PDB file of all heavy atoms in Angstrom:
ATOM      1  N   GLN A   1       4.830   2.328  11.473  1.00  0.00           N
ATOM      2  CA  GLN A   1       5.508   2.124  10.195  1.00  0.00           C
ATOM      3  C   GLN A   1       6.764   2.992  10.109  1.00  0.00           C
ATOM      4  O   GLN A   1       7.810   2.538   9.658  1.00  0.00           O
ATOM      5  CB  GLN A   1       4.569   2.442   9.036  1.00  0.00           C
ATOM      6  CG  GLN A   1       5.165   2.119   7.685  1.00  0.00           C
ATOM      7  CD  GLN A   1       4.147   2.207   6.560  1.00  0.00           C
ATOM      8  OE1 GLN A   1       2.945   2.366   6.798  1.00  0.00           O
ATOM      9  NE2 GLN A   1       4.616   2.099   5.347  1.00  0.00           N
ATOM     10  N   GLU A   2       6.660   4.219  10.584  1.00  0.00           N
ATOM     11  CA  GLU A   2       7.820   5.117  10.582  1.00  0.00           C
ATOM     12  C   GLU A   2       8.928   4.567  11.472  1.00  0.00           C
ATOM     13  O   GLU A   2      10.100   4.596  11.110  1.00  0.00           O
ATOM     14  CB  GLU A   2       7.392   6.503  11.058  1.00  0.00           C
ATOM     15  CG  GLU A   2       8.498   7.526  11.014  1.00  0.00           C
ATOM     16  CD  GLU A   2       8.017   8.903  11.415  1.00  0.00           C
ATOM     17  OE1 GLU A   2       6.920   9.315  10.966  1.00  0.00           O
ATOM     18  OE2 GLU A   2       8.744   9.568  12.178  1.00  0.00           O
ATOM     19  N   ARG A   3       8.570   4.035  12.626  1.00  0.00           N
ATOM     20  CA  ARG A   3       9.570   3.484  13.553  1.00  0.00           C
ATOM     21  C   ARG A   3      10.268   2.274  12.938  1.00  0.00           C
ATOM     22  O   ARG A   3      11.495   2.133  13.042  1.00  0.00           O
ATOM     23  CB  ARG A   3       8.919   3.109  14.884  1.00  0.00           C
ATOM     24  CG  ARG A   3       9.888   2.574  15.903  1.00  0.00           C
ATOM     25  CD  ARG A   3      10.928   3.631  16.275  1.00  0.00           C
ATOM     26  NE  ARG A   3      11.866   3.063  17.219  1.00  0.00           N
ATOM     27  CZ  ARG A   3      13.168   3.267  17.184  1.00  0.00           C
ATOM     28  NH1 ARG A   3      13.711   4.043  16.268  1.00  0.00           N
ATOM     29  NH2 ARG A   3      13.953   2.705  18.058  1.00  0.00           N
ATOM     30  N   ILE A   4       9.520   1.403  12.306  1.00  0.00           N
ATOM     31  CA  ILE A   4      10.126   0.230  11.669  1.00  0.00           C
ATOM     32  C   ILE A   4      11.038   0.678  10.533  1.00  0.00           C
ATOM     33  O   ILE A   4      12.143   0.148  10.372  1.00  0.00           O
ATOM     34  CB  ILE A   4       9.038  -0.759  11.193  1.00  0.00           C
ATOM     35  CG1 ILE A   4       8.381  -1.420  12.419  1.00  0.00           C
ATOM     36  CG2 ILE A   4       9.638  -1.820  10.273  1.00  0.00           C
ATOM     37  CD1 ILE A   4       7.179  -2.279  12.103  1.00  0.00           C
ATOM     38  N   ALA A   5      10.613   1.672   9.760  1.00  0.00           N
ATOM     39  CA  ALA A   5      11.454   2.194   8.677  1.00  0.00           C
ATOM     40  C   ALA A   5      12.749   2.780   9.237  1.00  0.00           C
ATOM     41  O   ALA A   5      13.828   2.625   8.645  1.00  0.00           O
ATOM     42  CB  ALA A   5      10.692   3.240   7.871  1.00  0.00           C
ATOM     43  N   GLU A   6      12.672   3.448  10.387  1.00  0.00           N
ATOM     44  CA  GLU A   6      13.866   3.994  11.033  1.00  0.00           C
ATOM     45  C   GLU A   6      14.820   2.869  11.427  1.00  0.00           C
ATOM     46  O   GLU A   6      16.038   2.985  11.243  1.00  0.00           O
ATOM     47  CB  GLU A   6      13.491   4.807  12.279  1.00  0.00           C
ATOM     48  CG  GLU A   6      12.826   6.129  11.976  1.00  0.00           C
ATOM     49  CD  GLU A   6      12.289   6.800  13.228  1.00  0.00           C
ATOM     50  OE1 GLU A   6      12.412   6.238  14.349  1.00  0.00           O
ATOM     51  OE2 GLU A   6      11.703   7.888  13.086  1.00  0.00           O
ATOM     52  N   LEU A   7      14.282   1.803  11.984  1.00  0.00           N
ATOM     53  CA  LEU A   7      15.107   0.663  12.372  1.00  0.00           C
ATOM     54  C   LEU A   7      15.787   0.054  11.147  1.00  0.00           C
ATOM     55  O   LEU A   7      16.971  -0.291  11.189  1.00  0.00           O
ATOM     56  CB  LEU A   7      14.268  -0.392  13.099  1.00  0.00           C
ATOM     57  CG  LEU A   7      13.745   0.011  14.474  1.00  0.00           C
ATOM     58  CD1 LEU A   7      12.714  -0.993  14.962  1.00  0.00           C
ATOM     59  CD2 LEU A   7      14.884   0.153  15.466  1.00  0.00           C
ATOM     60  N   GLN A   8      15.040  -0.044  10.061  1.00  0.00           N
ATOM     61  CA  GLN A   8      15.610  -0.585   8.828  1.00  0.00           C
ATOM     62  C   GLN A   8      16.700   0.342   8.299  1.00  0.00           C
ATOM     63  O   GLN A   8      17.741  -0.120   7.835  1.00  0.00           O
ATOM     64  CB  GLN A   8      14.513  -0.820   7.796  1.00  0.00           C
ATOM     65  CG  GLN A   8      13.618  -1.984   8.182  1.00  0.00           C
ATOM     66  CD  GLN A   8      12.421  -2.167   7.283  1.00  0.00           C
ATOM     67  OE1 GLN A   8      11.809  -1.203   6.828  1.00  0.00           O
ATOM     68  NE2 GLN A   8      12.055  -3.422   7.044  1.00  0.00           N
ATOM     69  N   ALA A   9      16.493   1.642   8.396  1.00  0.00           N
ATOM     70  CA  ALA A   9      17.501   2.603   7.955  1.00  0.00           C
ATOM     71  C   ALA A   9      18.759   2.522   8.817  1.00  0.00           C
ATOM     72  O   ALA A   9      19.869   2.823   8.350  1.00  0.00           O
ATOM     73  CB  ALA A   9      16.925   4.017   7.979  1.00  0.00           C
ATOM     74  N   MET A  10      18.602   2.090  10.075  1.00  0.00           N
ATOM     75  CA  MET A  10      19.745   1.920  10.979  1.00  0.00           C
ATOM     76  C   MET A  10      20.496   0.625  10.706  1.00  0.00           C
ATOM     77  O   MET A  10      21.515   0.359  11.330  1.00  0.00           O
ATOM     78  CB  MET A  10      19.266   1.957  12.435  1.00  0.00           C
ATOM     79  CG  MET A  10      18.723   3.306  12.858  1.00  0.00           C
ATOM     80  SD  MET A  10      17.863   3.285  14.465  1.00  0.00           S
ATOM     81  CE  MET A  10      19.071   2.559  15.543  1.00  0.00           C
ATOM     82  N   GLY A  11      19.974  -0.196   9.796  1.00  0.00           N
ATOM     83  CA  GLY A  11      20.669  -1.419   9.418  1.00  0.00           C
ATOM     84  C   GLY A  11      20.081  -2.706   9.950  1.00  0.00           C
ATOM     85  O   GLY A  11      20.638  -3.780   9.726  1.00  0.00           O
ATOM     86  N   TYR A  12      18.960  -2.620  10.642  1.00  0.00           N
ATOM     87  CA  TYR A  12      18.316  -3.838  11.119  1.00  0.00           C
ATOM     88  C   TYR A  12      17.589  -4.487   9.945  1.00  0.00           C
ATOM     89  O   TYR A  12      16.649  -3.923   9.396  1.00  0.00           O
ATOM     90  CB  TYR A  12      17.326  -3.544  12.254  1.00  0.00           C
ATOM     91  CG  TYR A  12      18.002  -3.055  13.501  1.00  0.00           C
ATOM     92  CD1 TYR A  12      17.964  -1.717  13.854  1.00  0.00           C
ATOM     93  CD2 TYR A  12      18.702  -3.940  14.314  1.00  0.00           C
ATOM     94  CE1 TYR A  12      18.601  -1.264  15.002  1.00  0.00           C
ATOM     95  CE2 TYR A  12      19.344  -3.503  15.466  1.00  0.00           C
ATOM     96  CZ  TYR A  12      19.281  -2.160  15.805  1.00  0.00           C
ATOM     97  OH  TYR A  12      19.912  -1.717  16.932  1.00  0.00           O
ATOM     98  N   ARG A  13      18.047  -5.660   9.545  1.00  0.00           N
ATOM     99  CA  ARG A  13      17.473  -6.345   8.385  1.00  0.00           C
ATOM    100  C   ARG A  13      16.359  -7.300   8.762  1.00  0.00           C
ATOM    101  O   ARG A  13      15.402  -7.470   8.024  1.00  0.00           O
ATOM    102  CB  ARG A  13      18.561  -7.130   7.655  1.00  0.00           C
ATOM    103  CG  ARG A  13      19.580  -6.244   7.026  1.00  0.00           C
ATOM    104  CD  ARG A  13      20.570  -7.073   6.272  1.00  0.00           C
ATOM    105  NE  ARG A  13      21.617  -6.221   5.733  1.00  0.00           N
ATOM    106  CZ  ARG A  13      22.657  -6.665   5.108  1.00  0.00           C
ATOM    107  NH1 ARG A  13      22.804  -7.957   4.907  1.00  0.00           N
ATOM    108  NH2 ARG A  13      23.556  -5.843   4.647  1.00  0.00           N
ATOM    109  N   ASN A  14      16.514  -7.979   9.883  1.00  0.00           N
ATOM    110  CA  ASN A  14      15.551  -9.000  10.307  1.00  0.00           C
ATOM    111  C   ASN A  14      14.691  -8.444  11.434  1.00  0.00           C
ATOM    112  O   ASN A  14      15.196  -8.111  12.506  1.00  0.00           O
ATOM    113  CB  ASN A  14      16.279 -10.263  10.765  1.00  0.00           C
ATOM    114  CG  ASN A  14      17.091 -10.872   9.644  1.00  0.00           C
ATOM    115  OD1 ASN A  14      16.636 -10.974   8.516  1.00  0.00           O
ATOM    116  ND2 ASN A  14      18.317 -11.263   9.948  1.00  0.00           N
ATOM    117  N   ILE A  15      13.397  -8.367  11.178  1.00  0.00           N
ATOM    118  CA  ILE A  15      12.476  -7.786  12.148  1.00  0.00           C
ATOM    119  C   ILE A  15      11.433  -8.817  12.533  1.00  0.00           C
ATOM    120  O   ILE A  15      10.780  -9.421  11.684  1.00  0.00           O
ATOM    121  CB  ILE A  15      11.800  -6.531  11.580  1.00  0.00           C
ATOM    122  CG1 ILE A  15      12.879  -5.494  11.261  1.00  0.00           C
ATOM    123  CG2 ILE A  15      10.763  -5.981  12.546  1.00  0.00           C
ATOM    124  CD1 ILE A  15      12.367  -4.231  10.628  1.00  0.00           C
ATOM    125  N   ARG A  16      11.323  -9.014  13.813  1.00  0.00           N
ATOM    126  CA  ARG A  16      10.313  -9.917  14.377  1.00  0.00           C
ATOM    127  C   ARG A  16       9.231  -9.020  14.978  1.00  0.00           C
ATOM    128  O   ARG A  16       9.507  -8.270  15.909  1.00  0.00           O
ATOM    129  CB  ARG A  16      10.955 -10.795  15.439  1.00  0.00           C
ATOM    130  CG  ARG A  16      10.032 -11.824  16.036  1.00  0.00           C
ATOM    131  CD  ARG A  16      10.807 -12.795  16.906  1.00  0.00           C
ATOM    132  NE  ARG A  16      11.673 -13.608  16.056  1.00  0.00           N
ATOM    133  CZ  ARG A  16      12.900 -14.013  16.414  1.00  0.00           C
ATOM    134  NH1 ARG A  16      13.402 -13.687  17.571  1.00  0.00           N
ATOM    135  NH2 ARG A  16      13.609 -14.754  15.578  1.00  0.00           N
ATOM    136  N   VAL A  17       8.035  -9.078  14.422  1.00  0.00           N
ATOM    137  CA  VAL A  17       6.935  -8.248  14.905  1.00  0.00           C
ATOM    138  C   VAL A  17       6.064  -9.094  15.831  1.00  0.00           C
ATOM    139  O   VAL A  17       5.435 -10.058  15.405  1.00  0.00           O
ATOM    140  CB  VAL A  17       6.093  -7.689  13.741  1.00  0.00           C
ATOM    141  CG1 VAL A  17       4.993  -6.787  14.273  1.00  0.00           C
ATOM    142  CG2 VAL A  17       6.980  -6.920  12.752  1.00  0.00           C
ATOM    143  N   ASP A  18       6.064  -8.720  17.104  1.00  0.00           N
ATOM    144  CA  ASP A  18       5.265  -9.428  18.101  1.00  0.00           C
ATOM    145  C   ASP A  18       3.870  -8.806  18.113  1.00  0.00           C
ATOM    146  O   ASP A  18       3.701  -7.630  18.439  1.00  0.00           O
ATOM    147  CB  ASP A  18       5.922  -9.304  19.474  1.00  0.00           C
ATOM    148  CG  ASP A  18       5.211 -10.087  20.549  1.00  0.00           C
ATOM    149  OD1 ASP A  18       4.052 -10.506  20.347  1.00  0.00           O
ATOM    150  OD2 ASP A  18       5.812 -10.282  21.616  1.00  0.00           O
ATOM    151  N   LEU A  19       2.890  -9.592  17.733  1.00  0.00           N
ATOM    152  CA  LEU A  19       1.510  -9.125  17.628  1.00  0.00           C
ATOM    153  C   LEU A  19       0.631  -9.601  18.785  1.00  0.00           C
ATOM    154  O   LEU A  19      -0.585  -9.390  18.765  1.00  0.00           O
ATOM    155  CB  LEU A  19       0.904  -9.610  16.307  1.00  0.00           C
ATOM    156  CG  LEU A  19       1.592  -9.134  15.029  1.00  0.00           C
ATOM    157  CD1 LEU A  19       1.023  -9.879  13.824  1.00  0.00           C
ATOM    158  CD2 LEU A  19       1.438  -7.637  14.869  1.00  0.00           C
ATOM    159  N   GLU A  20       1.221 -10.218  19.777  1.00  0.00           N
ATOM    160  CA  GLU A  20       0.448 -10.859  20.839  1.00  0.00           C
ATOM    161  C   GLU A  20      -0.558  -9.924  21.510  1.00  0.00           C
ATOM    162  O   GLU A  20      -1.659 -10.341  21.870  1.00  0.00           O
ATOM    163  CB  GLU A  20       1.392 -11.437  21.899  1.00  0.00           C
ATOM    164  CG  GLU A  20       0.688 -12.225  22.963  1.00  0.00           C
ATOM    165  CD  GLU A  20       1.641 -12.973  23.885  1.00  0.00           C
ATOM    166  OE1 GLU A  20       2.846 -12.645  23.899  1.00  0.00           O
ATOM    167  OE2 GLU A  20       1.176 -13.885  24.570  1.00  0.00           O
ATOM    168  N   ARG A  21      -0.209  -8.661  21.654  1.00  0.00           N
ATOM    169  CA  ARG A  21      -1.100  -7.723  22.364  1.00  0.00           C
ATOM    170  C   ARG A  21      -1.900  -6.827  21.422  1.00  0.00           C
ATOM    171  O   ARG A  21      -2.452  -5.813  21.843  1.00  0.00           O
ATOM    172  CB  ARG A  21      -0.275  -6.877  23.327  1.00  0.00           C
ATOM    173  CG  ARG A  21       0.318  -7.711  24.437  1.00  0.00           C
ATOM    174  CD  ARG A  21       1.059  -6.882  25.418  1.00  0.00           C
ATOM    175  NE  ARG A  21       1.625  -7.728  26.454  1.00  0.00           N
ATOM    176  CZ  ARG A  21       2.439  -7.299  27.370  1.00  0.00           C
ATOM    177  NH1 ARG A  21       2.812  -6.036  27.404  1.00  0.00           N
ATOM    178  NH2 ARG A  21       2.914  -8.128  28.276  1.00  0.00           N
ATOM    179  N   VAL A  22      -1.954  -7.200  20.155  1.00  0.00           N
ATOM    180  CA  VAL A  22      -2.738  -6.427  19.198  1.00  0.00           C
ATOM    181  C   VAL A  22      -4.198  -6.843  19.316  1.00  0.00           C
ATOM    182  O   VAL A  22      -4.528  -8.018  19.206  1.00  0.00           O
ATOM    183  CB  VAL A  22      -2.207  -6.625  17.760  1.00  0.00           C
ATOM    184  CG1 VAL A  22      -3.161  -5.999  16.745  1.00  0.00           C
ATOM    185  CG2 VAL A  22      -0.815  -6.033  17.627  1.00  0.00           C
ATOM    186  N   GLU A  23      -5.058  -5.861  19.552  1.00  0.00           N
ATOM    187  CA  GLU A  23      -6.487  -6.126  19.701  1.00  0.00           C
ATOM    188  C   GLU A  23      -7.239  -5.969  18.389  1.00  0.00           C
ATOM    189  O   GLU A  23      -8.293  -6.575  18.193  1.00  0.00           O
ATOM    190  CB  GLU A  23      -7.075  -5.171  20.741  1.00  0.00           C
ATOM    191  CG  GLU A  23      -6.458  -5.353  22.113  1.00  0.00           C
ATOM    192  CD  GLU A  23      -6.784  -4.205  23.055  1.00  0.00           C
ATOM    193  OE1 GLU A  23      -7.592  -3.326  22.684  1.00  0.00           O
ATOM    194  OE2 GLU A  23      -6.223  -4.194  24.152  1.00  0.00           O
ATOM    195  N   PHE A  24      -6.694  -5.139  17.491  1.00  0.00           N
ATOM    196  CA  PHE A  24      -7.387  -4.841  16.240  1.00  0.00           C
ATOM    197  C   PHE A  24      -6.349  -4.448  15.199  1.00  0.00           C
ATOM    198  O   PHE A  24      -5.392  -3.741  15.503  1.00  0.00           O
ATOM    199  CB  PHE A  24      -8.374  -3.684  16.458  1.00  0.00           C
ATOM    200  CG  PHE A  24      -9.059  -3.224  15.213  1.00  0.00           C
ATOM    201  CD1 PHE A  24     -10.122  -3.928  14.675  1.00  0.00           C
ATOM    202  CD2 PHE A  24      -8.634  -2.070  14.566  1.00  0.00           C
ATOM    203  CE1 PHE A  24     -10.751  -3.489  13.522  1.00  0.00           C
ATOM    204  CE2 PHE A  24      -9.258  -1.631  13.417  1.00  0.00           C
ATOM    205  CZ  PHE A  24     -10.324  -2.335  12.895  1.00  0.00           C
ATOM    206  N   LEU A  25      -6.555  -4.910  13.981  1.00  0.00           N
ATOM    207  CA  LEU A  25      -5.646  -4.592  12.881  1.00  0.00           C
ATOM    208  C   LEU A  25      -6.502  -4.253  11.670  1.00  0.00           C
ATOM    209  O   LEU A  25      -7.298  -5.084  11.226  1.00  0.00           O
ATOM    210  CB  LEU A  25      -4.759  -5.804  12.588  1.00  0.00           C
ATOM    211  CG  LEU A  25      -3.634  -5.639  11.587  1.00  0.00           C
ATOM    212  CD1 LEU A  25      -2.478  -4.870  12.204  1.00  0.00           C
ATOM    213  CD2 LEU A  25      -3.140  -7.000  11.121  1.00  0.00           C
TER     214      LEU A  25
END
């Protein structure tokens, strides 16, 4: 979450989250 917030603070507006390798959420 912190990393995504950093990316957003850098100006990245559109984020594609690839969940393909997520085993548990």
